C-alpha atoms as a PDB file:
ATOM      1  CA  MET A   1      -0.974 -48.658  51.452  1.00  0.00           C
ATOM      2  CA  THR A   2       0.146 -45.264  50.239  1.00  0.00           C
ATOM      3  CA  LEU A   3       3.835 -44.849  50.951  1.00  0.00           C
ATOM      4  CA  ALA A   4       5.200 -41.473  51.852  1.00  0.00           C
ATOM      5  CA  THR A   5       7.906 -40.121  49.548  1.00  0.00           C
ATOM      6  CA  PRO A   6      10.974 -38.114  50.592  1.00  0.00           C
ATOM      7  CA  ASP A   7       9.467 -35.012  48.956  1.00  0.00           C
ATOM      8  CA  SER A   8       6.176 -35.379  50.802  1.00  0.00           C
ATOM      9  CA  LEU A   9       7.919 -36.048  54.123  1.00  0.00           C
ATOM     10  CA  TYR A  10      10.038 -32.936  53.759  1.00  0.00           C
ATOM     11  CA  GLN A  11       6.899 -30.788  53.585  1.00  0.00           C
ATOM     12  CA  ALA A  12       4.621 -32.951  55.754  1.00  0.00           C
ATOM     13  CA  PRO A  13       6.559 -35.346  58.018  1.00  0.00           C
ATOM     14  CA  GLU A  14       3.361 -36.539  59.693  1.00  0.00           C
ATOM     15  CA  LEU A  15       2.600 -38.522  56.530  1.00  0.00           C
ATOM     16  CA  ALA A  16       5.147 -41.155  57.619  1.00  0.00           C
ATOM     17  CA  THR A  17       3.250 -41.965  60.797  1.00  0.00           C
ATOM     18  CA  LEU A  18      -0.089 -41.783  59.002  1.00  0.00           C
ATOM     19  CA  ALA A  19       1.134 -44.290  56.384  1.00  0.00           C
ATOM     20  CA  ILE A  20       2.088 -46.709  59.167  1.00  0.00           C
ATOM     21  CA  LEU A  21      -1.214 -46.155  60.981  1.00  0.00           C
ATOM     22  CA  ASP A  22      -3.163 -46.712  57.754  1.00  0.00           C
ATOM     23  CA  GLU A  23      -1.413 -50.044  57.178  1.00  0.00           C
ATOM     24  CA  LEU A  24      -1.919 -51.086  60.807  1.00  0.00           C
ATOM     25  CA  LEU A  25      -5.634 -50.336  60.523  1.00  0.00           C
ATOM     26  CA  GLN A  26      -5.869 -52.401  57.317  1.00  0.00           C
ATOM     27  CA  GLN A  27      -4.133 -55.371  58.956  1.00  0.00           C
ATOM     28  CA  THR A  28      -6.457 -55.039  61.957  1.00  0.00           C
ATOM     29  CA  ILE A  29      -9.474 -55.202  59.644  1.00  0.00           C
ATOM     30  CA  TYR A  30      -8.074 -58.309  57.921  1.00  0.00           C
ATOM     31  CA  ALA A  31      -7.472 -59.964  61.307  1.00  0.00           C
ATOM     32  CA  LEU A  32     -11.013 -59.163  62.471  1.00  0.00           C
ATOM     33  CA  PHE A  33     -12.470 -60.637  59.269  1.00  0.00           C
ATOM     34  CA  ALA A  34     -10.355 -63.769  59.715  1.00  0.00           C
ATOM     35  CA  ALA A  35     -11.412 -64.152  63.354  1.00  0.00           C
ATOM     36  CA  HIS A  36     -15.073 -63.311  62.682  1.00  0.00           C
ATOM     37  CA  PRO A  37     -16.109 -64.288  59.127  1.00  0.00           C
ATOM     38  CA  GLU A  38     -19.671 -63.306  59.985  1.00  0.00           C
ATOM     39  CA  LEU A  39     -18.547 -59.661  59.725  1.00  0.00           C
ATOM     40  CA  THR A  40     -18.465 -60.096  55.954  1.00  0.00           C
ATOM     41  CA  ASP A  41     -22.005 -61.512  55.739  1.00  0.00           C
ATOM     42  CA  GLN A  42     -24.516 -59.419  53.827  1.00  0.00           C
ATOM     43  CA  VAL A  43     -27.286 -59.985  56.393  1.00  0.00           C
ATOM     44  CA  PRO A  44     -27.768 -56.859  58.561  1.00  0.00           C
ATOM     45  CA  PHE A  45     -26.746 -57.339  62.187  1.00  0.00           C
ATOM     46  CA  TYR A  46     -30.202 -56.431  63.510  1.00  0.00           C
ATOM     47  CA  GLN A  47     -31.654 -59.423  61.615  1.00  0.00           C
ATOM     48  CA  ARG A  48     -29.306 -61.900  63.261  1.00  0.00           C
ATOM     49  CA  THR A  49     -30.093 -63.624  66.516  1.00  0.00           C
ATOM     50  CA  SER A  50     -26.891 -65.341  67.567  1.00  0.00           C
ATOM     51  CA  LEU A  51     -24.152 -62.711  67.543  1.00  0.00           C
ATOM     52  CA  THR A  52     -21.861 -62.576  70.543  1.00  0.00           C
ATOM     53  CA  ALA A  53     -20.719 -59.428  72.294  1.00  0.00           C
ATOM     54  CA  GLU A  54     -17.264 -60.081  70.814  1.00  0.00           C
ATOM     55  CA  VAL A  55     -18.648 -59.893  67.269  1.00  0.00           C
ATOM     56  CA  TRP A  56     -20.559 -56.686  68.036  1.00  0.00           C
ATOM     57  CA  VAL A  57     -17.389 -55.063  69.378  1.00  0.00           C
ATOM     58  CA  ALA A  58     -15.359 -56.387  66.419  1.00  0.00           C
ATOM     59  CA  ASP A  59     -17.886 -54.750  64.095  1.00  0.00           C
ATOM     60  CA  ALA A  60     -17.543 -51.451  65.982  1.00  0.00           C
ATOM     61  CA  ILE A  61     -13.745 -51.633  65.687  1.00  0.00           C
ATOM     62  CA  TYR A  62     -14.071 -52.375  61.970  1.00  0.00           C
ATOM     63  CA  SER A  63     -16.395 -49.394  61.469  1.00  0.00           C
ATOM     64  CA  GLN A  64     -14.140 -47.035  63.394  1.00  0.00           C
ATOM     65  CA  ALA A  65     -10.981 -48.282  61.668  1.00  0.00           C
ATOM     66  CA  SER A  66     -12.586 -47.793  58.252  1.00  0.00           C
ATOM     67  CA  ALA A  67     -13.698 -44.290  59.183  1.00  0.00           C
ATOM     68  CA  LEU A  68     -10.188 -43.416  60.387  1.00  0.00           C
ATOM     69  CA  GLN A  69      -8.714 -44.758  57.129  1.00  0.00           C
ATOM     70  CA  GLN A  70     -11.052 -42.474  55.192  1.00  0.00           C
ATOM     71  CA  SER A  71      -9.963 -39.513  57.309  1.00  0.00           C
ATOM     72  CA  ILE A  72      -6.305 -40.368  56.702  1.00  0.00           C
ATOM     73  CA  ASP A  73      -6.973 -40.509  52.951  1.00  0.00           C
ATOM     74  CA  ARG A  74      -8.711 -37.123  53.051  1.00  0.00           C
ATOM     75  CA  TYR A  75      -5.864 -35.618  55.072  1.00  0.00           C
ATOM     76  CA  ARG A  76      -3.295 -37.053  52.663  1.00  0.00           C
ATOM     77  CA  GLU A  77      -5.175 -35.512  49.725  1.00  0.00           C
ATOM     78  CA  ALA A  78      -5.480 -32.154  51.501  1.00  0.00           C
ATOM     79  CA  VAL A  79      -1.734 -32.127  52.163  1.00  0.00           C
ATOM     80  CA  LYS A  80      -1.065 -32.890  48.491  1.00  0.00           C
ATOM     81  CA  VAL A  81      -3.232 -29.985  47.381  1.00  0.00           C
ATOM     82  CA  THR A  82      -1.861 -27.593  49.994  1.00  0.00           C
ATOM     83  CA  ASN A  83       1.777 -28.421  49.256  1.00  0.00           C
ATOM     84  CA  ASN A  84       1.303 -28.905  45.525  1.00  0.00           C
ATOM     85  CA  PHE A  85       3.123 -32.253  45.474  1.00  0.00           C
ATOM     86  CA  PRO A  86       4.007 -33.508  41.989  1.00  0.00           C
ATOM     87  CA  SER A  87       2.330 -36.708  40.886  1.00  0.00           C
ATOM     88  CA  PRO A  88       4.646 -39.756  40.706  1.00  0.00           C
ATOM     89  CA  GLN A  89       4.393 -39.755  36.882  1.00  0.00           C
ATOM     90  CA  ASN A  90       5.930 -36.247  36.664  1.00  0.00           C
ATOM     91  CA  ARG A  91       9.097 -37.126  38.549  1.00  0.00           C
ATOM     92  CA  ARG A  92      12.486 -37.628  36.949  1.00  0.00           C
END
């Protein structure tokens, strides 16, 4: 989880909500993997014969959650570049 800093929230307050959403998505993915260990198998879904509708939908949620996390990361990076946020190492 990438926490928002006071400096980043001053210039881009939406980062607070996005940080929470990102963590919620990660916890959702963990819960889906715990409930459906077959999601972590390396065998492609189309080669399996006994997957339930629940597992198919869980896989779709996982794929969409991962894609949204990537979009959040890209947005966070774009905000950093646009607002020229200092890196944490350069702070006092």
